Amino acid sequence: MSERYFDNFDQHASQYRKIHSQNVKISGADSFYFAAHKVEMLKEFEKNNSLRILDLGCGDGAIAMFLEKEFSSVNINAIDISAESIALAKEKKLVNTSFEQYDGNNIPFENECFDIVIIASVLHHIEFKWHFQFIREVYRVLKMGGRVYIFEHNPANPFTRYIVRTCVFDKDA
């Protein structure tokens, strides 16, 4: 594809956590802190019920790792376009999570099958004009009454702008 649709992290997968931790070190936290914090925020809204969750753009599986720790009753499907990231995620051998590469366009699940869809730091890696198509696909797989949690960078925050501007895998974001 000659035009940018989405960023692929294959070239950064093996060093993602190291690069991200280095990039955010000014915050006093490491890369895993931010994944764990997202799951802590979910605990404010969700109970440890038998839920089916889609971790869309799962990368190396860090959020799924913390989800399994905090929500033992959930079943997680985690997908990403990066084959290298999916390979790293599978190495975590999570019990309630299946990892799968997908094409970035069509979520490979049936209609209305997820209680929750988590989209964490993904949208800024998708060309803006494709956001509607992406979100439409999310709603296709979401059950009636399901919830979507979107975690994204705050462009009004100068600290966030600095982090994104100086991060190698955010260069096109």
N, C-alpha and C. Protein backbone atom coordinates (compact mmCIF):
# COMPACT_ATOMS: atom_id res chain seq x y z
N MET A 1 0.86 -1.17 0.00
CA MET A 1 0.00 0.00 0.00
C MET A 1 0.91 1.23 0.00
N SER A 2 0.80 2.10 -0.97
CA SER A 2 1.67 3.25 -1.07
C SER A 2 1.30 4.36 -0.10
N GLU A 3 0.03 4.51 0.19
CA GLU A 3 -0.38 5.55 1.14
C GLU A 3 -0.43 4.95 2.53
N ARG A 4 -0.17 5.76 3.53
CA ARG A 4 -0.16 5.29 4.91
C ARG A 4 -1.59 5.01 5.36
N TYR A 5 -1.81 3.82 5.82
CA TYR A 5 -3.08 3.46 6.42
C TYR A 5 -2.88 3.32 7.93
N PHE A 6 -1.92 2.50 8.31
CA PHE A 6 -1.59 2.32 9.72
C PHE A 6 -0.11 2.02 9.84
N ASP A 7 0.41 2.25 11.04
CA ASP A 7 1.82 1.97 11.32
C ASP A 7 1.97 0.51 11.72
N ASN A 8 3.01 -0.15 11.23
CA ASN A 8 3.29 -1.53 11.57
C ASN A 8 4.52 -1.55 12.48
N PHE A 9 4.41 -2.24 13.58
CA PHE A 9 5.46 -2.23 14.60
C PHE A 9 6.45 -3.38 14.47
N ASP A 10 6.43 -4.15 13.39
CA ASP A 10 7.34 -5.28 13.27
C ASP A 10 8.79 -4.88 13.52
N GLN A 11 9.21 -3.75 12.96
CA GLN A 11 10.60 -3.33 13.10
C GLN A 11 10.96 -2.93 14.53
N HIS A 12 9.98 -2.62 15.36
CA HIS A 12 10.24 -2.18 16.74
C HIS A 12 9.84 -3.22 17.79
N ALA A 13 9.22 -4.30 17.38
CA ALA A 13 8.61 -5.24 18.34
C ALA A 13 9.61 -5.74 19.38
N SER A 14 10.76 -6.19 18.95
CA SER A 14 11.70 -6.81 19.90
C SER A 14 12.25 -5.82 20.92
N GLN A 15 12.25 -4.54 20.59
CA GLN A 15 12.79 -3.52 21.49
C GLN A 15 11.72 -2.56 21.99
N TYR A 16 10.45 -2.87 21.72
CA TYR A 16 9.37 -1.93 22.04
C TYR A 16 9.39 -1.48 23.49
N ARG A 17 9.39 -2.41 24.43
CA ARG A 17 9.33 -2.04 25.86
C ARG A 17 10.55 -1.23 26.27
N LYS A 18 11.71 -1.61 25.78
CA LYS A 18 12.94 -0.88 26.12
C LYS A 18 12.87 0.55 25.57
N ILE A 19 12.48 0.69 24.31
CA ILE A 19 12.37 2.02 23.68
C ILE A 19 11.33 2.86 24.40
N HIS A 20 10.16 2.27 24.64
CA HIS A 20 9.08 3.02 25.29
C HIS A 20 9.49 3.43 26.70
N SER A 21 10.08 2.53 27.47
CA SER A 21 10.51 2.87 28.83
C SER A 21 11.53 3.99 28.81
N GLN A 22 12.46 3.94 27.87
CA GLN A 22 13.45 5.01 27.75
C GLN A 22 12.76 6.33 27.41
N ASN A 23 11.79 6.27 26.52
CA ASN A 23 11.10 7.47 26.07
C ASN A 23 10.26 8.13 27.16
N VAL A 24 9.70 7.32 28.05
CA VAL A 24 8.83 7.87 29.10
C VAL A 24 9.53 7.98 30.45
N LYS A 25 10.82 7.74 30.49
CA LYS A 25 11.52 7.74 31.79
C LYS A 25 11.39 9.07 32.53
N ILE A 26 11.21 10.15 31.79
CA ILE A 26 11.03 11.46 32.42
C ILE A 26 9.82 11.47 33.34
N SER A 27 8.87 10.57 33.11
CA SER A 27 7.66 10.49 33.94
C SER A 27 7.93 9.79 35.28
N GLY A 28 9.05 9.09 35.37
CA GLY A 28 9.35 8.33 36.57
C GLY A 28 8.78 6.92 36.53
N ALA A 29 8.16 6.55 35.44
CA ALA A 29 7.56 5.22 35.30
C ALA A 29 8.17 4.50 34.10
N ASP A 30 7.92 3.19 34.03
CA ASP A 30 8.36 2.45 32.86
C ASP A 30 7.16 2.11 31.98
N SER A 31 7.42 1.45 30.89
CA SER A 31 6.39 1.13 29.91
C SER A 31 5.27 0.28 30.50
N PHE A 32 5.61 -0.70 31.33
CA PHE A 32 4.59 -1.57 31.90
C PHE A 32 3.66 -0.83 32.85
N TYR A 33 4.14 0.23 33.47
CA TYR A 33 3.29 1.02 34.36
C TYR A 33 2.04 1.50 33.61
N PHE A 34 2.22 1.98 32.39
CA PHE A 34 1.10 2.55 31.63
C PHE A 34 0.10 1.47 31.23
N ALA A 35 0.57 0.26 30.91
CA ALA A 35 -0.34 -0.85 30.61
C ALA A 35 -1.12 -1.23 31.87
N ALA A 36 -0.43 -1.34 32.99
CA ALA A 36 -1.08 -1.70 34.25
C ALA A 36 -2.09 -0.63 34.66
N HIS A 37 -1.74 0.62 34.46
CA HIS A 37 -2.63 1.72 34.83
C HIS A 37 -3.94 1.68 34.04
N LYS A 38 -3.88 1.34 32.79
CA LYS A 38 -5.10 1.24 31.98
C LYS A 38 -6.03 0.18 32.57
N VAL A 39 -5.46 -0.94 32.97
CA VAL A 39 -6.26 -2.01 33.56
C VAL A 39 -6.80 -1.58 34.92
N GLU A 40 -6.01 -0.86 35.69
CA GLU A 40 -6.50 -0.33 36.97
C GLU A 40 -7.71 0.58 36.74
N MET A 41 -7.65 1.38 35.70
CA MET A 41 -8.79 2.26 35.38
C MET A 41 -10.03 1.44 35.03
N LEU A 42 -9.84 0.34 34.30
CA LEU A 42 -10.98 -0.52 33.95
C LEU A 42 -11.66 -1.09 35.19
N LYS A 43 -10.88 -1.36 36.22
CA LYS A 43 -11.44 -1.92 37.45
C LYS A 43 -12.47 -0.99 38.08
N GLU A 44 -12.40 0.28 37.77
CA GLU A 44 -13.38 1.22 38.31
C GLU A 44 -14.76 1.03 37.67
N PHE A 45 -14.80 0.41 36.48
CA PHE A 45 -16.05 0.29 35.72
C PHE A 45 -16.51 -1.14 35.51
N GLU A 46 -15.60 -2.09 35.64
CA GLU A 46 -15.92 -3.48 35.32
C GLU A 46 -15.70 -4.38 36.52
N LYS A 47 -16.52 -5.42 36.63
CA LYS A 47 -16.36 -6.43 37.66
C LYS A 47 -15.65 -7.64 37.05
N ASN A 48 -15.16 -8.50 37.90
CA ASN A 48 -14.48 -9.71 37.44
C ASN A 48 -15.52 -10.76 37.04
N ASN A 49 -16.28 -10.43 36.02
CA ASN A 49 -17.32 -11.33 35.51
C ASN A 49 -16.78 -12.10 34.32
N SER A 50 -17.53 -13.07 33.90
CA SER A 50 -17.19 -13.84 32.71
C SER A 50 -17.51 -12.98 31.49
N LEU A 51 -16.52 -12.27 31.02
CA LEU A 51 -16.68 -11.37 29.88
C LEU A 51 -15.76 -11.79 28.75
N ARG A 52 -16.17 -11.49 27.55
CA ARG A 52 -15.32 -11.70 26.38
C ARG A 52 -14.79 -10.33 25.97
N ILE A 53 -13.46 -10.20 25.95
CA ILE A 53 -12.80 -8.93 25.68
C ILE A 53 -11.96 -9.04 24.42
N LEU A 54 -12.00 -7.99 23.60
CA LEU A 54 -11.10 -7.86 22.46
C LEU A 54 -10.09 -6.77 22.79
N ASP A 55 -8.81 -7.14 22.79
CA ASP A 55 -7.71 -6.18 22.93
C ASP A 55 -7.24 -5.90 21.51
N LEU A 56 -7.71 -4.80 20.96
CA LEU A 56 -7.49 -4.46 19.56
C LEU A 56 -6.24 -3.60 19.42
N GLY A 57 -5.23 -4.15 18.76
CA GLY A 57 -3.93 -3.49 18.67
C GLY A 57 -3.11 -3.84 19.90
N CYS A 58 -3.09 -5.11 20.24
CA CYS A 58 -2.53 -5.60 21.51
C CYS A 58 -1.03 -5.50 21.62
N GLY A 59 -0.33 -5.31 20.51
CA GLY A 59 1.13 -5.26 20.57
C GLY A 59 1.69 -6.53 21.18
N ASP A 60 2.58 -6.37 22.16
CA ASP A 60 3.25 -7.53 22.76
C ASP A 60 2.45 -8.17 23.89
N GLY A 61 1.22 -7.76 24.09
CA GLY A 61 0.34 -8.41 25.04
C GLY A 61 0.41 -7.91 26.47
N ALA A 62 0.99 -6.76 26.71
CA ALA A 62 1.13 -6.25 28.08
C ALA A 62 -0.22 -6.00 28.74
N ILE A 63 -1.15 -5.40 28.03
CA ILE A 63 -2.46 -5.14 28.64
C ILE A 63 -3.17 -6.45 28.95
N ALA A 64 -3.11 -7.41 28.03
CA ALA A 64 -3.72 -8.72 28.29
C ALA A 64 -3.11 -9.37 29.53
N MET A 65 -1.81 -9.21 29.71
CA MET A 65 -1.13 -9.77 30.87
C MET A 65 -1.71 -9.19 32.16
N PHE A 66 -1.92 -7.88 32.20
CA PHE A 66 -2.49 -7.25 33.40
C PHE A 66 -3.99 -7.54 33.52
N LEU A 67 -4.68 -7.66 32.39
CA LEU A 67 -6.10 -8.03 32.45
C LEU A 67 -6.28 -9.39 33.10
N GLU A 68 -5.47 -10.35 32.68
CA GLU A 68 -5.58 -11.70 33.26
C GLU A 68 -5.29 -11.67 34.76
N LYS A 69 -4.37 -10.85 35.17
CA LYS A 69 -4.02 -10.75 36.59
C LYS A 69 -5.18 -10.18 37.41
N GLU A 70 -5.84 -9.16 36.89
CA GLU A 70 -6.89 -8.45 37.62
C GLU A 70 -8.29 -8.98 37.37
N PHE A 71 -8.50 -9.62 36.22
CA PHE A 71 -9.82 -10.12 35.83
C PHE A 71 -9.69 -11.60 35.45
N SER A 72 -9.65 -12.46 36.42
CA SER A 72 -9.37 -13.88 36.18
C SER A 72 -10.49 -14.60 35.43
N SER A 73 -11.68 -14.04 35.39
CA SER A 73 -12.82 -14.71 34.76
C SER A 73 -13.03 -14.35 33.30
N VAL A 74 -12.21 -13.47 32.75
CA VAL A 74 -12.43 -13.01 31.38
C VAL A 74 -11.79 -13.95 30.36
N ASN A 75 -12.30 -13.85 29.15
CA ASN A 75 -11.72 -14.53 27.99
C ASN A 75 -11.29 -13.42 27.04
N ILE A 76 -10.01 -13.40 26.68
CA ILE A 76 -9.46 -12.30 25.89
C ILE A 76 -9.00 -12.79 24.53
N ASN A 77 -9.45 -12.09 23.50
CA ASN A 77 -8.90 -12.25 22.16
C ASN A 77 -8.09 -10.99 21.91
N ALA A 78 -6.83 -11.17 21.56
CA ALA A 78 -5.94 -10.03 21.36
C ALA A 78 -5.38 -10.09 19.94
N ILE A 79 -5.56 -8.99 19.19
CA ILE A 79 -5.13 -8.99 17.79
C ILE A 79 -4.28 -7.76 17.49
N ASP A 80 -3.40 -7.91 16.52
CA ASP A 80 -2.53 -6.82 16.10
C ASP A 80 -2.09 -7.10 14.67
N ILE A 81 -1.68 -6.06 13.97
CA ILE A 81 -1.19 -6.24 12.60
C ILE A 81 0.27 -6.69 12.57
N SER A 82 0.98 -6.52 13.67
CA SER A 82 2.40 -6.83 13.73
C SER A 82 2.63 -8.31 14.07
N ALA A 83 3.13 -9.05 13.11
CA ALA A 83 3.43 -10.47 13.34
C ALA A 83 4.50 -10.64 14.41
N GLU A 84 5.47 -9.77 14.42
CA GLU A 84 6.55 -9.84 15.42
C GLU A 84 6.00 -9.58 16.82
N SER A 85 5.11 -8.62 16.96
CA SER A 85 4.52 -8.34 18.26
C SER A 85 3.67 -9.51 18.74
N ILE A 86 2.91 -10.10 17.84
CA ILE A 86 2.09 -11.26 18.20
C ILE A 86 2.96 -12.42 18.65
N ALA A 87 4.07 -12.65 17.97
CA ALA A 87 4.99 -13.72 18.38
C ALA A 87 5.50 -13.48 19.80
N LEU A 88 5.85 -12.25 20.12
CA LEU A 88 6.30 -11.91 21.48
C LEU A 88 5.17 -12.09 22.49
N ALA A 89 3.96 -11.69 22.12
CA ALA A 89 2.81 -11.84 23.02
C ALA A 89 2.56 -13.31 23.33
N LYS A 90 2.65 -14.16 22.33
CA LYS A 90 2.41 -15.59 22.55
C LYS A 90 3.42 -16.20 23.51
N GLU A 91 4.61 -15.64 23.57
CA GLU A 91 5.64 -16.13 24.50
C GLU A 91 5.21 -15.94 25.96
N LYS A 92 4.27 -15.06 26.22
CA LYS A 92 3.78 -14.83 27.58
C LYS A 92 2.95 -16.01 28.08
N LYS A 93 2.49 -16.85 27.16
CA LYS A 93 1.71 -18.05 27.50
C LYS A 93 0.58 -17.75 28.49
N LEU A 94 -0.20 -16.75 28.16
CA LEU A 94 -1.34 -16.38 29.00
C LEU A 94 -2.45 -17.41 28.87
N VAL A 95 -3.06 -17.74 29.97
CA VAL A 95 -4.05 -18.82 30.03
C VAL A 95 -5.37 -18.46 29.36
N ASN A 96 -5.86 -17.25 29.60
CA ASN A 96 -7.19 -16.86 29.11
C ASN A 96 -7.14 -15.95 27.89
N THR A 97 -5.99 -15.90 27.22
CA THR A 97 -5.83 -15.00 26.08
C THR A 97 -5.35 -15.76 24.85
N SER A 98 -5.97 -15.47 23.73
CA SER A 98 -5.45 -15.97 22.45
C SER A 98 -4.98 -14.76 21.64
N PHE A 99 -3.81 -14.89 21.04
CA PHE A 99 -3.22 -13.83 20.24
C PHE A 99 -3.26 -14.22 18.78
N GLU A 100 -3.59 -13.23 17.93
CA GLU A 100 -3.70 -13.51 16.50
C GLU A 100 -3.35 -12.25 15.70
N GLN A 101 -2.61 -12.45 14.64
CA GLN A 101 -2.34 -11.35 13.73
C GLN A 101 -3.57 -11.15 12.85
N TYR A 102 -3.83 -9.88 12.50
CA TYR A 102 -4.93 -9.61 11.56
C TYR A 102 -4.49 -8.55 10.57
N ASP A 103 -5.32 -8.29 9.57
CA ASP A 103 -4.92 -7.43 8.46
C ASP A 103 -5.07 -5.93 8.72
N GLY A 104 -5.61 -5.55 9.87
CA GLY A 104 -5.79 -4.14 10.18
C GLY A 104 -7.07 -3.55 9.62
N ASN A 105 -7.76 -4.28 8.79
CA ASN A 105 -9.00 -3.78 8.18
C ASN A 105 -10.23 -4.49 8.71
N ASN A 106 -10.19 -5.80 8.69
CA ASN A 106 -11.35 -6.61 9.06
C ASN A 106 -11.06 -7.37 10.34
N ILE A 107 -11.79 -7.05 11.39
CA ILE A 107 -11.62 -7.76 12.66
C ILE A 107 -12.15 -9.19 12.45
N PRO A 108 -11.29 -10.20 12.66
CA PRO A 108 -11.63 -11.57 12.27
C PRO A 108 -12.54 -12.32 13.26
N PHE A 109 -13.65 -11.68 13.62
CA PHE A 109 -14.61 -12.30 14.53
C PHE A 109 -16.01 -12.00 14.04
N GLU A 110 -16.95 -12.82 14.51
CA GLU A 110 -18.34 -12.68 14.10
C GLU A 110 -18.95 -11.41 14.70
N ASN A 111 -20.08 -11.02 14.17
CA ASN A 111 -20.81 -9.86 14.67
C ASN A 111 -21.22 -10.05 16.13
N GLU A 112 -21.23 -8.94 16.87
CA GLU A 112 -21.76 -8.88 18.23
C GLU A 112 -21.28 -10.01 19.13
N CYS A 113 -19.96 -10.17 19.25
CA CYS A 113 -19.43 -11.27 20.06
C CYS A 113 -18.62 -10.81 21.27
N PHE A 114 -18.31 -9.52 21.40
CA PHE A 114 -17.49 -9.04 22.52
C PHE A 114 -18.29 -8.15 23.46
N ASP A 115 -18.06 -8.37 24.75
CA ASP A 115 -18.65 -7.51 25.78
C ASP A 115 -17.88 -6.20 25.88
N ILE A 116 -16.57 -6.28 25.68
CA ILE A 116 -15.68 -5.12 25.82
C ILE A 116 -14.66 -5.14 24.69
N VAL A 117 -14.40 -3.96 24.13
CA VAL A 117 -13.29 -3.78 23.19
C VAL A 117 -12.38 -2.71 23.79
N ILE A 118 -11.10 -3.04 23.89
CA ILE A 118 -10.09 -2.11 24.40
C ILE A 118 -9.21 -1.68 23.23
N ILE A 119 -9.08 -0.38 23.06
CA ILE A 119 -8.23 0.20 22.02
C ILE A 119 -7.25 1.13 22.73
N ALA A 120 -6.05 0.66 22.96
CA ALA A 120 -5.09 1.42 23.76
C ALA A 120 -3.92 1.92 22.91
N SER A 121 -3.84 3.23 22.77
CA SER A 121 -2.74 3.88 22.04
C SER A 121 -2.61 3.33 20.62
N VAL A 122 -3.74 3.20 19.96
CA VAL A 122 -3.79 2.65 18.60
C VAL A 122 -4.19 3.71 17.59
N LEU A 123 -5.20 4.49 17.90
CA LEU A 123 -5.78 5.40 16.89
C LEU A 123 -4.77 6.38 16.30
N HIS A 124 -3.81 6.82 17.06
CA HIS A 124 -2.84 7.77 16.50
C HIS A 124 -1.88 7.10 15.52
N HIS A 125 -1.95 5.79 15.41
CA HIS A 125 -1.14 5.06 14.43
C HIS A 125 -1.94 4.70 13.18
N ILE A 126 -3.17 5.18 13.11
CA ILE A 126 -4.03 4.94 11.95
C ILE A 126 -4.30 6.29 11.30
N GLU A 127 -4.12 6.36 10.01
CA GLU A 127 -4.41 7.60 9.29
C GLU A 127 -5.83 8.05 9.64
N PHE A 128 -5.97 9.32 9.97
CA PHE A 128 -7.24 9.85 10.47
C PHE A 128 -8.42 9.54 9.55
N LYS A 129 -8.23 9.60 8.26
CA LYS A 129 -9.36 9.38 7.35
C LYS A 129 -9.89 7.94 7.40
N TRP A 130 -9.15 7.02 8.05
CA TRP A 130 -9.60 5.64 8.18
C TRP A 130 -10.24 5.35 9.53
N HIS A 131 -10.29 6.35 10.42
CA HIS A 131 -10.85 6.13 11.76
C HIS A 131 -12.31 5.67 11.71
N PHE A 132 -13.12 6.27 10.87
CA PHE A 132 -14.54 5.89 10.82
C PHE A 132 -14.69 4.42 10.46
N GLN A 133 -13.96 3.98 9.44
CA GLN A 133 -14.02 2.57 9.02
C GLN A 133 -13.56 1.65 10.16
N PHE A 134 -12.50 2.05 10.84
CA PHE A 134 -11.96 1.27 11.96
C PHE A 134 -13.00 1.16 13.07
N ILE A 135 -13.59 2.26 13.49
CA ILE A 135 -14.58 2.26 14.57
C ILE A 135 -15.85 1.52 14.16
N ARG A 136 -16.24 1.64 12.91
CA ARG A 136 -17.42 0.90 12.43
C ARG A 136 -17.19 -0.61 12.59
N GLU A 137 -15.98 -1.05 12.32
CA GLU A 137 -15.64 -2.47 12.47
C GLU A 137 -15.66 -2.87 13.95
N VAL A 138 -15.22 -1.98 14.83
CA VAL A 138 -15.27 -2.23 16.27
C VAL A 138 -16.73 -2.44 16.69
N TYR A 139 -17.61 -1.57 16.27
CA TYR A 139 -19.01 -1.69 16.66
C TYR A 139 -19.68 -2.91 16.05
N ARG A 140 -19.18 -3.39 14.95
CA ARG A 140 -19.72 -4.62 14.35
C ARG A 140 -19.52 -5.81 15.28
N VAL A 141 -18.36 -5.88 15.95
CA VAL A 141 -18.06 -7.05 16.79
C VAL A 141 -18.49 -6.86 18.24
N LEU A 142 -18.97 -5.68 18.59
CA LEU A 142 -19.39 -5.38 19.96
C LEU A 142 -20.83 -5.81 20.19
N LYS A 143 -21.06 -6.50 21.29
CA LYS A 143 -22.43 -6.90 21.64
C LYS A 143 -23.27 -5.66 21.94
N MET A 144 -24.56 -5.79 21.76
CA MET A 144 -25.48 -4.75 22.18
C MET A 144 -25.29 -4.53 23.68
N GLY A 145 -25.09 -3.29 24.07
CA GLY A 145 -24.84 -2.99 25.47
C GLY A 145 -23.38 -3.16 25.88
N GLY A 146 -22.52 -3.52 24.92
CA GLY A 146 -21.10 -3.68 25.21
C GLY A 146 -20.42 -2.33 25.39
N ARG A 147 -19.18 -2.38 25.83
CA ARG A 147 -18.43 -1.16 26.11
C ARG A 147 -17.13 -1.11 25.32
N VAL A 148 -16.78 0.09 24.87
CA VAL A 148 -15.51 0.34 24.19
C VAL A 148 -14.70 1.27 25.09
N TYR A 149 -13.47 0.88 25.37
CA TYR A 149 -12.55 1.72 26.13
C TYR A 149 -11.42 2.15 25.20
N ILE A 150 -11.33 3.45 25.00
CA ILE A 150 -10.28 4.00 24.14
C ILE A 150 -9.32 4.80 25.01
N PHE A 151 -8.06 4.40 24.97
CA PHE A 151 -7.00 5.12 25.66
C PHE A 151 -6.12 5.71 24.57
N GLU A 152 -5.97 7.02 24.61
CA GLU A 152 -5.20 7.69 23.55
C GLU A 152 -4.44 8.85 24.16
N HIS A 153 -3.38 9.25 23.48
CA HIS A 153 -2.57 10.38 23.94
C HIS A 153 -3.38 11.67 23.94
N ASN A 154 -3.07 12.54 24.89
CA ASN A 154 -3.73 13.84 24.98
C ASN A 154 -2.87 14.86 24.24
N PRO A 155 -3.27 15.28 23.04
CA PRO A 155 -2.46 16.22 22.27
C PRO A 155 -2.40 17.63 22.87
N ALA A 156 -3.26 17.92 23.84
CA ALA A 156 -3.22 19.23 24.49
C ALA A 156 -2.16 19.29 25.59
N ASN A 157 -1.64 18.14 25.97
CA ASN A 157 -0.64 18.07 27.03
C ASN A 157 0.76 18.23 26.43
N PRO A 158 1.51 19.26 26.80
CA PRO A 158 2.84 19.46 26.22
C PRO A 158 3.80 18.31 26.52
N PHE A 159 3.66 17.69 27.68
CA PHE A 159 4.49 16.53 28.02
C PHE A 159 4.23 15.39 27.03
N THR A 160 2.96 15.13 26.78
CA THR A 160 2.58 14.07 25.84
C THR A 160 3.09 14.39 24.43
N ARG A 161 2.94 15.63 24.01
CA ARG A 161 3.43 16.02 22.68
C ARG A 161 4.94 15.78 22.58
N TYR A 162 5.69 16.09 23.63
CA TYR A 162 7.13 15.86 23.64
C TYR A 162 7.44 14.36 23.52
N ILE A 163 6.76 13.55 24.32
CA ILE A 163 6.99 12.10 24.30
C ILE A 163 6.73 11.54 22.90
N VAL A 164 5.61 11.91 22.30
CA VAL A 164 5.26 11.41 20.97
C VAL A 164 6.25 11.92 19.92
N ARG A 165 6.60 13.18 20.01
CA ARG A 165 7.51 13.78 19.02
C ARG A 165 8.91 13.14 19.07
N THR A 166 9.34 12.65 20.23
CA THR A 166 10.69 12.11 20.37
C THR A 166 10.75 10.60 20.33
N CYS A 167 9.64 9.93 20.13
CA CYS A 167 9.61 8.47 20.12
C CYS A 167 9.72 7.94 18.70
N VAL A 168 10.65 7.03 18.46
CA VAL A 168 10.92 6.52 17.13
C VAL A 168 9.70 5.87 16.48
N PHE A 169 8.90 5.15 17.27
CA PHE A 169 7.75 4.48 16.64
C PHE A 169 6.51 5.36 16.56
N ASP A 170 6.62 6.60 17.00
CA ASP A 170 5.54 7.57 16.84
C ASP A 170 5.85 8.60 15.76
N LYS A 171 6.90 8.39 14.99
CA LYS A 171 7.34 9.42 14.03
C LYS A 171 6.27 9.80 13.00
N ASP A 172 5.40 8.88 12.64
CA ASP A 172 4.33 9.18 11.68
C ASP A 172 2.98 9.41 12.36
N ALA A 173 2.96 9.32 13.68
CA ALA A 173 1.68 9.42 14.41
C ALA A 173 1.18 10.85 14.41
